[in-house]
Protein backbone atom coordinates (compact mmCIF):
# COMPACT_ATOMS: atom_id res chain seq x y z
CA UNK A 1 -214.71 101.59 -56.00
CA UNK A 2 -216.95 104.64 -56.35
CA UNK A 3 -220.11 103.61 -56.68
CA UNK A 4 -222.49 100.22 -55.85
CA UNK A 5 -226.37 99.99 -55.87
CA UNK A 6 -228.42 97.24 -54.98
CA UNK A 7 -231.51 96.32 -57.10
CA UNK A 8 -234.46 94.43 -55.46
CA UNK A 9 -237.77 93.86 -56.55
CA UNK A 10 -240.45 94.32 -53.59
CA UNK A 11 -244.07 93.81 -53.99
CA UNK A 12 -244.05 94.02 -57.55
CA UNK A 13 -241.67 97.75 -57.54
CA UNK A 14 -238.23 97.68 -58.46
CA UNK A 15 -235.79 99.07 -55.38
CA UNK A 16 -232.46 101.16 -55.84
CA UNK A 17 -229.75 101.60 -52.86
CA UNK A 18 -226.72 103.00 -52.62
CA UNK A 19 -224.11 100.68 -51.23
CA UNK A 20 -221.22 101.97 -49.04
CA UNK A 21 -220.53 105.70 -48.17
CA UNK A 22 -218.35 104.51 -44.79
CA UNK A 23 -215.11 102.70 -44.30
CA UNK A 24 -216.57 100.18 -42.50
CA UNK A 25 -218.34 99.10 -45.47
CA UNK A 26 -215.49 100.12 -47.96
CA UNK A 27 -213.37 97.93 -45.99
CA UNK A 28 -215.55 94.67 -46.16
CA UNK A 29 -216.06 95.06 -49.75
CA UNK A 30 -211.91 94.72 -50.05
CA UNK A 31 -211.62 92.11 -48.01
CA UNK A 32 -214.77 89.84 -49.11
CA UNK A 33 -215.23 91.33 -52.52
CA UNK A 34 -218.89 92.30 -53.79
CA UNK A 35 -219.69 88.90 -54.74
CA UNK A 36 -219.18 87.42 -51.23
CA UNK A 37 -220.03 90.32 -49.20
CA UNK A 38 -223.43 90.30 -51.39
CA UNK A 39 -224.19 86.80 -50.53
CA UNK A 40 -223.16 87.01 -46.92
CA UNK A 41 -226.06 89.66 -46.74
CA UNK A 42 -224.10 92.43 -46.06
CA UNK A 43 -225.20 94.48 -49.34
CA UNK A 44 -229.44 93.21 -49.32
CA UNK A 45 -230.97 91.48 -51.92
CA UNK A 46 -229.86 88.10 -50.80
CA UNK A 47 -230.87 85.53 -53.07
């Protein structure tokens, strides 16, 4: 996975953040998958 970004709406504005960039996050995404990592709160933007 080369690039992953999260998008959130906060206080009426849209916030885009780049995810990853370190080996620990890359390993977590490989083992959990993007959906599970997001749902567990590791990526931000939790529902």
